[in-house]
Amino acid sequence: MLERIKVLIQTFITNRRVARGALLLDGADTNWFKFVNARSIDMASPYKDVLGQWKGHYSKGLQKLHIVDGWRALQYGFVVDRWSPAELLNHKWGEEMKKRPK
């Protein structure tokens, strides 16, 4: 029961973070998603995460978005933590990519 509640909370938090991050990316570059391969997203990798695929490295993506601290990066779904584990972030960013035009 407690594990199920934890999963529901993680999903809720991660959904909000990824939606917020996608909106931020849309504002910075309307074509960001064209640089990201949904099947190879690995949010634990600075090269294969969404920002890494978009700008070549996680840190370059943060610079482009003017994100200067980890807390903000976390709130936009760009950082793995206990409430947004890598597997869930990978999945949710993949779902976000499916909403984008091809």
PDB file of N, CA and C in Angstrom:
ATOM      1  N   MET A   1       0.822  -1.195   0.000  1.00  0.00           N
ATOM      2  CA  MET A   1       0.000   0.000   0.000  1.00  0.00           C
ATOM      3  C   MET A   1       0.864   1.256   0.000  1.00  0.00           C
ATOM      4  N   LEU A   2       1.834   1.328   0.902  1.00  0.00           N
ATOM      5  CA  LEU A   2       2.703   2.497   0.959  1.00  0.00           C
ATOM      6  C   LEU A   2       3.533   2.651  -0.313  1.00  0.00           C
ATOM      7  N   GLU A   3       3.968   1.527  -0.873  1.00  0.00           N
ATOM      8  CA  GLU A   3       4.740   1.586  -2.120  1.00  0.00           C
ATOM      9  C   GLU A   3       3.878   2.146  -3.249  1.00  0.00           C
ATOM     10  N   ARG A   4       2.623   1.752  -3.294  1.00  0.00           N
ATOM     11  CA  ARG A   4       1.698   2.260  -4.330  1.00  0.00           C
ATOM     12  C   ARG A   4       1.498   3.770  -4.178  1.00  0.00           C
ATOM     13  N   ILE A   5       1.376   4.233  -2.966  1.00  0.00           N
ATOM     14  CA  ILE A   5       1.222   5.674  -2.711  1.00  0.00           C
ATOM     15  C   ILE A   5       2.479   6.415  -3.153  1.00  0.00           C
ATOM     16  N   LYS A   6       3.640   5.850  -2.855  1.00  0.00           N
ATOM     17  CA  LYS A   6       4.903   6.464  -3.271  1.00  0.00           C
ATOM     18  C   LYS A   6       4.962   6.591  -4.792  1.00  0.00           C
ATOM     19  N   VAL A   7       4.584   5.552  -5.505  1.00  0.00           N
ATOM     20  CA  VAL A   7       4.594   5.569  -6.975  1.00  0.00           C
ATOM     21  C   VAL A   7       3.630   6.624  -7.506  1.00  0.00           C
ATOM     22  N   LEU A   8       2.465   6.726  -6.909  1.00  0.00           N
ATOM     23  CA  LEU A   8       1.497   7.747  -7.335  1.00  0.00           C
ATOM     24  C   LEU A   8       2.051   9.155  -7.119  1.00  0.00           C
ATOM     25  N   ILE A   9       2.690   9.385  -6.001  1.00  0.00           N
ATOM     26  CA  ILE A   9       3.284  10.694  -5.712  1.00  0.00           C
ATOM     27  C   ILE A   9       4.424  10.977  -6.694  1.00  0.00           C
ATOM     28  N   GLN A  10       5.281   9.994  -6.924  1.00  0.00           N
ATOM     29  CA  GLN A  10       6.379  10.173  -7.869  1.00  0.00           C
ATOM     30  C   GLN A  10       5.853  10.517  -9.267  1.00  0.00           C
ATOM     31  N   THR A  11       4.821   9.813  -9.684  1.00  0.00           N
ATOM     32  CA  THR A  11       4.244  10.055 -11.009  1.00  0.00           C
ATOM     33  C   THR A  11       3.655  11.453 -11.097  1.00  0.00           C
ATOM     34  N   PHE A  12       2.929  11.862 -10.088  1.00  0.00           N
ATOM     35  CA  PHE A  12       2.337  13.198 -10.059  1.00  0.00           C
ATOM     36  C   PHE A  12       3.428  14.272 -10.143  1.00  0.00           C
ATOM     37  N   ILE A  13       4.434  14.152  -9.312  1.00  0.00           N
ATOM     38  CA  ILE A  13       5.520  15.139  -9.275  1.00  0.00           C
ATOM     39  C   ILE A  13       6.268  15.168 -10.604  1.00  0.00           C
ATOM     40  N   THR A  14       6.593  14.005 -11.120  1.00  0.00           N
ATOM     41  CA  THR A  14       7.364  13.926 -12.362  1.00  0.00           C
ATOM     42  C   THR A  14       6.567  14.459 -13.543  1.00  0.00           C
ATOM     43  N   ASN A  15       5.280  14.163 -13.611  1.00  0.00           N
ATOM     44  CA  ASN A  15       4.435  14.705 -14.685  1.00  0.00           C
ATOM     45  C   ASN A  15       4.479  16.231 -14.691  1.00  0.00           C
ATOM     46  N   ARG A  16       4.358  16.826 -13.527  1.00  0.00           N
ATOM     47  CA  ARG A  16       4.377  18.293 -13.432  1.00  0.00           C
ATOM     48  C   ARG A  16       5.729  18.862 -13.820  1.00  0.00           C
ATOM     49  N   ARG A  17       6.793  18.213 -13.355  1.00  0.00           N
ATOM     50  CA  ARG A  17       8.138  18.699 -13.665  1.00  0.00           C
ATOM     51  C   ARG A  17       8.415  18.646 -15.169  1.00  0.00           C
ATOM     52  N   VAL A  18       8.077  17.535 -15.789  1.00  0.00           N
ATOM     53  CA  VAL A  18       8.337  17.385 -17.228  1.00  0.00           C
ATOM     54  C   VAL A  18       7.485  18.365 -18.037  1.00  0.00           C
ATOM     55  N   ALA A  19       6.234  18.535 -17.669  1.00  0.00           N
ATOM     56  CA  ALA A  19       5.384  19.506 -18.374  1.00  0.00           C
ATOM     57  C   ALA A  19       5.973  20.911 -18.259  1.00  0.00           C
ATOM     58  N   ARG A  20       6.444  21.261 -17.074  1.00  0.00           N
ATOM     59  CA  ARG A  20       7.068  22.570 -16.840  1.00  0.00           C
ATOM     60  C   ARG A  20       8.345  22.703 -17.675  1.00  0.00           C
ATOM     61  N   GLY A  21       9.146  21.656 -17.720  1.00  0.00           N
ATOM     62  CA  GLY A  21      10.379  21.676 -18.500  1.00  0.00           C
ATOM     63  C   GLY A  21      10.116  21.803 -19.989  1.00  0.00           C
ATOM     64  N   ALA A  22       9.105  21.108 -20.484  1.00  0.00           N
ATOM     65  CA  ALA A  22       8.762  21.187 -21.904  1.00  0.00           C
ATOM     66  C   ALA A  22       8.313  22.602 -22.274  1.00  0.00           C
ATOM     67  N   LEU A  23       7.548  23.229 -21.409  1.00  0.00           N
ATOM     68  CA  LEU A  23       7.131  24.611 -21.664  1.00  0.00           C
ATOM     69  C   LEU A  23       8.334  25.555 -21.695  1.00  0.00           C
ATOM     70  N   LEU A  24       9.270  25.337 -20.791  1.00  0.00           N
ATOM     71  CA  LEU A  24      10.476  26.162 -20.771  1.00  0.00           C
ATOM     72  C   LEU A  24      11.275  25.975 -22.062  1.00  0.00           C
ATOM     73  N   LEU A  25      11.436  24.739 -22.478  1.00  0.00           N
ATOM     74  CA  LEU A  25      12.150  24.458 -23.720  1.00  0.00           C
ATOM     75  C   LEU A  25      11.430  25.071 -24.922  1.00  0.00           C
ATOM     76  N   ASP A  26      10.109  24.978 -24.948  1.00  0.00           N
ATOM     77  CA  ASP A  26       9.329  25.578 -26.040  1.00  0.00           C
ATOM     78  C   ASP A  26       9.594  27.078 -26.145  1.00  0.00           C
ATOM     79  N   GLY A  27       9.719  27.727 -25.002  1.00  0.00           N
ATOM     80  CA  GLY A  27       9.978  29.158 -24.988  1.00  0.00           C
ATOM     81  C   GLY A  27      11.381  29.516 -25.460  1.00  0.00           C
ATOM     82  N   ALA A  28      12.322  28.605 -25.264  1.00  0.00           N
ATOM     83  CA  ALA A  28      13.709  28.862 -25.640  1.00  0.00           C
ATOM     84  C   ALA A  28      14.000  28.487 -27.091  1.00  0.00           C
ATOM     85  N   ASP A  29      13.348  27.428 -27.564  1.00  0.00           N
ATOM     86  CA  ASP A  29      13.611  26.916 -28.912  1.00  0.00           C
ATOM     87  C   ASP A  29      12.424  26.061 -29.332  1.00  0.00           C
ATOM     88  N   THR A  30      11.631  26.570 -30.251  1.00  0.00           N
ATOM     89  CA  THR A  30      10.413  25.846 -30.658  1.00  0.00           C
ATOM     90  C   THR A  30      10.722  24.529 -31.364  1.00  0.00           C
ATOM     91  N   ASN A  31      11.976  24.308 -31.730  1.00  0.00           N
ATOM     92  CA  ASN A  31      12.366  23.065 -32.414  1.00  0.00           C
ATOM     93  C   ASN A  31      13.246  22.159 -31.568  1.00  0.00           C
ATOM     94  N   TRP A  32      13.306  22.389 -30.272  1.00  0.00           N
ATOM     95  CA  TRP A  32      14.190  21.604 -29.408  1.00  0.00           C
ATOM     96  C   TRP A  32      13.983  20.108 -29.559  1.00  0.00           C
ATOM     97  N   PHE A  33      12.741  19.700 -29.713  1.00  0.00           N
ATOM     98  CA  PHE A  33      12.394  18.268 -29.753  1.00  0.00           C
ATOM     99  C   PHE A  33      12.951  17.565 -30.989  1.00  0.00           C
ATOM    100  N   LYS A  34      13.295  18.318 -32.013  1.00  0.00           N
ATOM    101  CA  LYS A  34      13.856  17.726 -33.229  1.00  0.00           C
ATOM    102  C   LYS A  34      15.276  17.206 -33.007  1.00  0.00           C
ATOM    103  N   PHE A  35      15.895  17.646 -31.932  1.00  0.00           N
ATOM    104  CA  PHE A  35      17.258  17.226 -31.603  1.00  0.00           C
ATOM    105  C   PHE A  35      17.284  16.065 -30.610  1.00  0.00           C
ATOM    106  N   VAL A  36      16.124  15.688 -30.110  1.00  0.00           N
ATOM    107  CA  VAL A  36      16.044  14.682 -29.045  1.00  0.00           C
ATOM    108  C   VAL A  36      15.437  13.389 -29.586  1.00  0.00           C
ATOM    109  N   ASN A  37      16.147  12.303 -29.390  1.00  0.00           N
ATOM    110  CA  ASN A  37      15.653  10.984 -29.767  1.00  0.00           C
ATOM    111  C   ASN A  37      14.958  10.383 -28.546  1.00  0.00           C
ATOM    112  N   ALA A  38      13.655  10.283 -28.615  1.00  0.00           N
ATOM    113  CA  ALA A  38      12.876   9.814 -27.465  1.00  0.00           C
ATOM    114  C   ALA A  38      13.290   8.420 -27.010  1.00  0.00           C
ATOM    115  N   ARG A  39      13.705   7.586 -27.937  1.00  0.00           N
ATOM    116  CA  ARG A  39      14.062   6.210 -27.591  1.00  0.00           C
ATOM    117  C   ARG A  39      15.393   6.093 -26.859  1.00  0.00           C
ATOM    118  N   SER A  40      16.221   7.115 -26.979  1.00  0.00           N
ATOM    119  CA  SER A  40      17.539   7.017 -26.330  1.00  0.00           C
ATOM    120  C   SER A  40      17.695   7.977 -25.156  1.00  0.00           C
ATOM    121  N   ILE A  41      16.592   8.560 -24.687  1.00  0.00           N
ATOM    122  CA  ILE A  41      16.676   9.451 -23.532  1.00  0.00           C
ATOM    123  C   ILE A  41      17.165   8.668 -22.318  1.00  0.00           C
ATOM    124  N   ASP A  42      18.189   9.226 -21.678  1.00  0.00           N
ATOM    125  CA  ASP A  42      18.708   8.665 -20.427  1.00  0.00           C
ATOM    126  C   ASP A  42      18.982   9.848 -19.511  1.00  0.00           C
ATOM    127  N   MET A  43      18.037  10.150 -18.639  1.00  0.00           N
ATOM    128  CA  MET A  43      18.125  11.337 -17.798  1.00  0.00           C
ATOM    129  C   MET A  43      19.245  11.250 -16.762  1.00  0.00           C
ATOM    130  N   ALA A  44      19.905  10.107 -16.655  1.00  0.00           N
ATOM    131  CA  ALA A  44      21.046   9.966 -15.752  1.00  0.00           C
ATOM    132  C   ALA A  44      22.359  10.279 -16.469  1.00  0.00           C
ATOM    133  N   SER A  45      22.302  10.564 -17.763  1.00  0.00           N
ATOM    134  CA  SER A  45      23.499  10.851 -18.553  1.00  0.00           C
ATOM    135  C   SER A  45      23.515  12.316 -18.996  1.00  0.00           C
ATOM    136  N   PRO A  46      24.626  13.017 -18.822  1.00  0.00           N
ATOM    137  CA  PRO A  46      24.691  14.419 -19.240  1.00  0.00           C
ATOM    138  C   PRO A  46      24.709  14.595 -20.757  1.00  0.00           C
ATOM    139  N   TYR A  47      24.901  13.506 -21.507  1.00  0.00           N
ATOM    140  CA  TYR A  47      24.910  13.573 -22.967  1.00  0.00           C
ATOM    141  C   TYR A  47      23.630  13.034 -23.591  1.00  0.00           C
ATOM    142  N   LYS A  48      22.973  12.101 -22.909  1.00  0.00           N
ATOM    143  CA  LYS A  48      21.786  11.454 -23.469  1.00  0.00           C
ATOM    144  C   LYS A  48      20.482  11.957 -22.863  1.00  0.00           C
ATOM    145  N   ASP A  49      20.585  12.826 -21.858  1.00  0.00           N
ATOM    146  CA  ASP A  49      19.361  13.398 -21.300  1.00  0.00           C
ATOM    147  C   ASP A  49      18.794  14.396 -22.308  1.00  0.00           C
ATOM    148  N   VAL A  50      17.649  14.976 -22.017  1.00  0.00           N
ATOM    149  CA  VAL A  50      16.990  15.894 -22.942  1.00  0.00           C
ATOM    150  C   VAL A  50      17.889  17.088 -23.269  1.00  0.00           C
ATOM    151  N   LEU A  51      18.473  17.702 -22.258  1.00  0.00           N
ATOM    152  CA  LEU A  51      19.329  18.869 -22.486  1.00  0.00           C
ATOM    153  C   LEU A  51      20.608  18.489 -23.218  1.00  0.00           C
ATOM    154  N   GLY A  52      21.152  17.348 -22.891  1.00  0.00           N
ATOM    155  CA  GLY A  52      22.364  16.875 -23.554  1.00  0.00           C
ATOM    156  C   GLY A  52      22.144  16.611 -25.026  1.00  0.00           C
ATOM    157  N   GLN A  53      21.038  16.013 -25.359  1.00  0.00           N
ATOM    158  CA  GLN A  53      20.733  15.762 -26.772  1.00  0.00           C
ATOM    159  C   GLN A  53      20.434  17.070 -27.505  1.00  0.00           C
ATOM    160  N   TRP A  54      19.813  17.996 -26.814  1.00  0.00           N
ATOM    161  CA  TRP A  54      19.459  19.286 -27.428  1.00  0.00           C
ATOM    162  C   TRP A  54      20.682  20.155 -27.678  1.00  0.00           C
ATOM    163  N   LYS A  55      21.574  20.264 -26.692  1.00  0.00           N
ATOM    164  CA  LYS A  55      22.700  21.192 -26.774  1.00  0.00           C
ATOM    165  C   LYS A  55      24.075  20.531 -26.687  1.00  0.00           C
ATOM    166  N   GLY A  56      24.131  19.209 -26.658  1.00  0.00           N
ATOM    167  CA  GLY A  56      25.413  18.516 -26.629  1.00  0.00           C
ATOM    168  C   GLY A  56      25.890  18.102 -25.253  1.00  0.00           C
ATOM    169  N   HIS A  57      25.409  18.776 -24.222  1.00  0.00           N
ATOM    170  CA  HIS A  57      25.742  18.422 -22.843  1.00  0.00           C
ATOM    171  C   HIS A  57      24.724  19.088 -21.925  1.00  0.00           C
ATOM    172  N   TYR A  58      24.416  18.401 -20.849  1.00  0.00           N
ATOM    173  CA  TYR A  58      23.461  18.896 -19.853  1.00  0.00           C
ATOM    174  C   TYR A  58      23.762  20.333 -19.434  1.00  0.00           C
ATOM    175  N   SER A  59      25.020  20.628 -19.137  1.00  0.00           N
ATOM    176  CA  SER A  59      25.379  21.965 -18.644  1.00  0.00           C
ATOM    177  C   SER A  59      25.161  23.045 -19.699  1.00  0.00           C
ATOM    178  N   LYS A  60      25.382  22.731 -20.962  1.00  0.00           N
ATOM    179  CA  LYS A  60      25.135  23.706 -22.034  1.00  0.00           C
ATOM    180  C   LYS A  60      23.644  23.998 -22.166  1.00  0.00           C
ATOM    181  N   GLY A  61      22.822  22.974 -21.975  1.00  0.00           N
ATOM    182  CA  GLY A  61      21.380  23.175 -21.989  1.00  0.00           C
ATOM    183  C   GLY A  61      20.927  24.079 -20.853  1.00  0.00           C
ATOM    184  N   LEU A  62      21.486  23.841 -19.679  1.00  0.00           N
ATOM    185  CA  LEU A  62      21.158  24.698 -18.534  1.00  0.00           C
ATOM    186  C   LEU A  62      21.540  26.151 -18.811  1.00  0.00           C
ATOM    187  N   GLN A  63      22.718  26.349 -19.387  1.00  0.00           N
ATOM    188  CA  GLN A  63      23.153  27.712 -19.718  1.00  0.00           C
ATOM    189  C   GLN A  63      22.187  28.370 -20.693  1.00  0.00           C
ATOM    190  N   LYS A  64      21.797  27.656 -21.723  1.00  0.00           N
ATOM    191  CA  LYS A  64      20.882  28.203 -22.726  1.00  0.00           C
ATOM    192  C   LYS A  64      19.547  28.603 -22.093  1.00  0.00           C
ATOM    193  N   LEU A  65      19.128  27.849 -21.086  1.00  0.00           N
ATOM    194  CA  LEU A  65      17.852  28.119 -20.407  1.00  0.00           C
ATOM    195  C   LEU A  65      18.004  29.088 -19.234  1.00  0.00           C
ATOM    196  N   HIS A  66      19.239  29.533 -18.985  1.00  0.00           N
ATOM    197  CA  HIS A  66      19.536  30.448 -17.873  1.00  0.00           C
ATOM    198  C   HIS A  66      19.177  29.844 -16.515  1.00  0.00           C
ATOM    199  N   ILE A  67      19.402  28.545 -16.393  1.00  0.00           N
ATOM    200  CA  ILE A  67      19.198  27.849 -15.115  1.00  0.00           C
ATOM    201  C   ILE A  67      20.560  27.775 -14.427  1.00  0.00           C
ATOM    202  N   VAL A  68      20.650  28.400 -13.271  1.00  0.00           N
ATOM    203  CA  VAL A  68      21.946  28.500 -12.599  1.00  0.00           C
ATOM    204  C   VAL A  68      22.068  27.640 -11.347  1.00  0.00           C
ATOM    205  N   ASP A  69      20.992  26.939 -10.990  1.00  0.00           N
ATOM    206  CA  ASP A  69      21.097  26.096  -9.794  1.00  0.00           C
ATOM    207  C   ASP A  69      20.327  24.792  -9.983  1.00  0.00           C
ATOM    208  N   GLY A  70      20.771  23.804  -9.222  1.00  0.00           N
ATOM    209  CA  GLY A  70      20.177  22.477  -9.302  1.00  0.00           C
ATOM    210  C   GLY A  70      18.712  22.426  -8.916  1.00  0.00           C
ATOM    211  N   TRP A  71      18.307  23.270  -7.990  1.00  0.00           N
ATOM    212  CA  TRP A  71      16.912  23.271  -7.549  1.00  0.00           C
ATOM    213  C   TRP A  71      15.977  23.616  -8.706  1.00  0.00           C
ATOM    214  N   ARG A  72      16.331  24.647  -9.484  1.00  0.00           N
ATOM    215  CA  ARG A  72      15.507  25.010 -10.637  1.00  0.00           C
ATOM    216  C   ARG A  72      15.517  23.898 -11.670  1.00  0.00           C
ATOM    217  N   ALA A  73      16.682  23.322 -11.932  1.00  0.00           N
ATOM    218  CA  ALA A  73      16.774  22.223 -12.896  1.00  0.00           C
ATOM    219  C   ALA A  73      15.874  21.063 -12.472  1.00  0.00           C
ATOM    220  N   LEU A  74      15.843  20.795 -11.193  1.00  0.00           N
ATOM    221  CA  LEU A  74      14.989  19.740 -10.647  1.00  0.00           C
ATOM    222  C   LEU A  74      13.517  20.038 -10.904  1.00  0.00           C
ATOM    223  N   GLN A  75      13.110  21.276 -10.713  1.00  0.00           N
ATOM    224  CA  GLN A  75      11.711  21.664 -10.867  1.00  0.00           C
ATOM    225  C   GLN A  75      11.235  21.579 -12.314  1.00  0.00           C
ATOM    226  N   TYR A  76      12.175  21.558 -13.261  1.00  0.00           N
ATOM    227  CA  TYR A  76      11.828  21.442 -14.672  1.00  0.00           C
ATOM    228  C   TYR A  76      12.019  20.023 -15.220  1.00  0.00           C
ATOM    229  N   GLY A  77      12.270  19.068 -14.348  1.00  0.00           N
ATOM    230  CA  GLY A  77      12.384  17.684 -14.784  1.00  0.00           C
ATOM    231  C   GLY A  77      13.684  17.346 -15.481  1.00  0.00           C
ATOM    232  N   PHE A  78      14.736  18.111 -15.206  1.00  0.00           N
ATOM    233  CA  PHE A  78      16.031  17.868 -15.824  1.00  0.00           C
ATOM    234  C   PHE A  78      16.996  17.143 -14.899  1.00  0.00           C
ATOM    235  N   VAL A  79      16.571  16.855 -13.668  1.00  0.00           N
ATOM    236  CA  VAL A  79      17.438  16.230 -12.668  1.00  0.00           C
ATOM    237  C   VAL A  79      16.725  15.033 -12.050  1.00  0.00           C
ATOM    238  N   VAL A  80      17.482  13.977 -11.874  1.00  0.00           N
ATOM    239  CA  VAL A  80      16.988  12.764 -11.221  1.00  0.00           C
ATOM    240  C   VAL A  80      17.057  12.960  -9.708  1.00  0.00           C
ATOM    241  N   ASP A  81      15.994  12.571  -9.018  1.00  0.00           N
ATOM    242  CA  ASP A  81      16.023  12.534  -7.554  1.00  0.00           C
ATOM    243  C   ASP A  81      15.075  11.431  -7.098  1.00  0.00           C
ATOM    244  N   ARG A  82      14.883  11.312  -5.800  1.00  0.00           N
ATOM    245  CA  ARG A  82      14.051  10.198  -5.298  1.00  0.00           C
ATOM    246  C   ARG A  82      12.584  10.332  -5.703  1.00  0.00           C
ATOM    247  N   TRP A  83      12.123  11.544  -5.990  1.00  0.00           N
ATOM    248  CA  TRP A  83      10.737  11.748  -6.401  1.00  0.00           C
ATOM    249  C   TRP A  83      10.572  11.712  -7.914  1.00  0.00           C
ATOM    250  N   SER A  84      11.677  11.823  -8.625  1.00  0.00           N
ATOM    251  CA  SER A  84      11.676  11.676 -10.078  1.00  0.00           C
ATOM    252  C   SER A  84      12.856  10.792 -10.474  1.00  0.00           C
ATOM    253  N   PRO A  85      12.718   9.476 -10.247  1.00  0.00           N
ATOM    254  CA  PRO A  85      13.815   8.575 -10.583  1.00  0.00           C
ATOM    255  C   PRO A  85      14.053   8.526 -12.097  1.00  0.00           C
ATOM    256  N   ALA A  86      15.258   8.124 -12.482  1.00  0.00           N
ATOM    257  CA  ALA A  86      15.662   8.136 -13.887  1.00  0.00           C
ATOM    258  C   ALA A  86      14.676   7.391 -14.798  1.00  0.00           C
ATOM    259  N   GLU A  87      14.270   6.189 -14.406  1.00  0.00           N
ATOM    260  CA  GLU A  87      13.362   5.404 -15.251  1.00  0.00           C
ATOM    261  C   GLU A  87      12.060   6.146 -15.508  1.00  0.00           C
ATOM    262  N   LEU A  88      11.531   6.767 -14.480  1.00  0.00           N
ATOM    263  CA  LEU A  88      10.272   7.495 -14.620  1.00  0.00           C
ATOM    264  C   LEU A  88      10.469   8.757 -15.459  1.00  0.00           C
ATOM    265  N   LEU A  89      11.556   9.487 -15.220  1.00  0.00           N
ATOM    266  CA  LEU A  89      11.840  10.668 -16.042  1.00  0.00           C
ATOM    267  C   LEU A  89      12.029  10.284 -17.510  1.00  0.00           C
ATOM    268  N   ASN A  90      12.765   9.223 -17.763  1.00  0.00           N
ATOM    269  CA  ASN A  90      12.956   8.756 -19.143  1.00  0.00           C
ATOM    270  C   ASN A  90      11.606   8.502 -19.802  1.00  0.00           C
ATOM    271  N   HIS A  91      10.749   7.805 -19.088  1.00  0.00           N
ATOM    272  CA  HIS A  91       9.427   7.460 -19.616  1.00  0.00           C
ATOM    273  C   HIS A  91       8.581   8.714 -19.864  1.00  0.00           C
ATOM    274  N   LYS A  92       8.554   9.613 -18.910  1.00  0.00           N
ATOM    275  CA  LYS A  92       7.715  10.819 -19.030  1.00  0.00           C
ATOM    276  C   LYS A  92       8.220  11.761 -20.110  1.00  0.00           C
ATOM    277  N   TRP A  93       9.542  11.905 -20.242  1.00  0.00           N
ATOM    278  CA  TRP A  93      10.066  12.714 -21.345  1.00  0.00           C
ATOM    279  C   TRP A  93       9.762  12.038 -22.679  1.00  0.00           C
ATOM    280  N   GLY A  94       9.810  10.723 -22.713  1.00  0.00           N
ATOM    281  CA  GLY A  94       9.428  10.000 -23.929  1.00  0.00           C
ATOM    282  C   GLY A  94       7.976  10.246 -24.300  1.00  0.00           C
ATOM    283  N   GLU A  95       7.102  10.254 -23.296  1.00  0.00           N
ATOM    284  CA  GLU A  95       5.691  10.560 -23.548  1.00  0.00           C
ATOM    285  C   GLU A  95       5.530  11.990 -24.056  1.00  0.00           C
ATOM    286  N   GLU A  96       6.283  12.912 -23.480  1.00  0.00           N
ATOM    287  CA  GLU A  96       6.239  14.303 -23.935  1.00  0.00           C
ATOM    288  C   GLU A  96       6.653  14.411 -25.398  1.00  0.00           C
ATOM    289  N   MET A  97       7.642  13.647 -25.780  1.00  0.00           N
ATOM    290  CA  MET A  97       8.114  13.675 -27.161  1.00  0.00           C
ATOM    291  C   MET A  97       7.040  13.168 -28.134  1.00  0.00           C
ATOM    292  N   LYS A  98       6.233  12.220 -27.707  1.00  0.00           N
ATOM    293  CA  LYS A  98       5.159  11.690 -28.565  1.00  0.00           C
ATOM    294  C   LYS A  98       4.103  12.749 -28.876  1.00  0.00           C
ATOM    295  N   LYS A  99       3.999  13.775 -28.072  1.00  0.00           N
ATOM    296  CA  LYS A  99       3.037  14.850 -28.298  1.00  0.00           C
ATOM    297  C   LYS A  99       3.510  15.841 -29.368  1.00  0.00           C
ATOM    298  N   ARG A 100       4.788  15.753 -29.703  1.00  0.00           N
ATOM    299  CA  ARG A 100       5.395  16.705 -30.625  1.00  0.00           C
ATOM    300  C   ARG A 100       5.212  16.282 -32.067  1.00  0.00           C
ATOM    301  N   PRO A 101       5.136  17.260 -32.989  1.00  0.00           N
ATOM    302  CA  PRO A 101       5.044  16.895 -34.405  1.00  0.00           C
ATOM    303  C   PRO A 101       6.305  16.188 -34.870  1.00  0.00           C
ATOM    304  N   LYS A 102       6.180  15.380 -35.860  1.00  0.00           N
ATOM    305  CA  LYS A 102       7.335  14.618 -36.371  1.00  0.00           C
ATOM    306  C   LYS A 102       8.084  15.408 -37.405  1.00  0.00           C
TER     307      LYS A 102
END
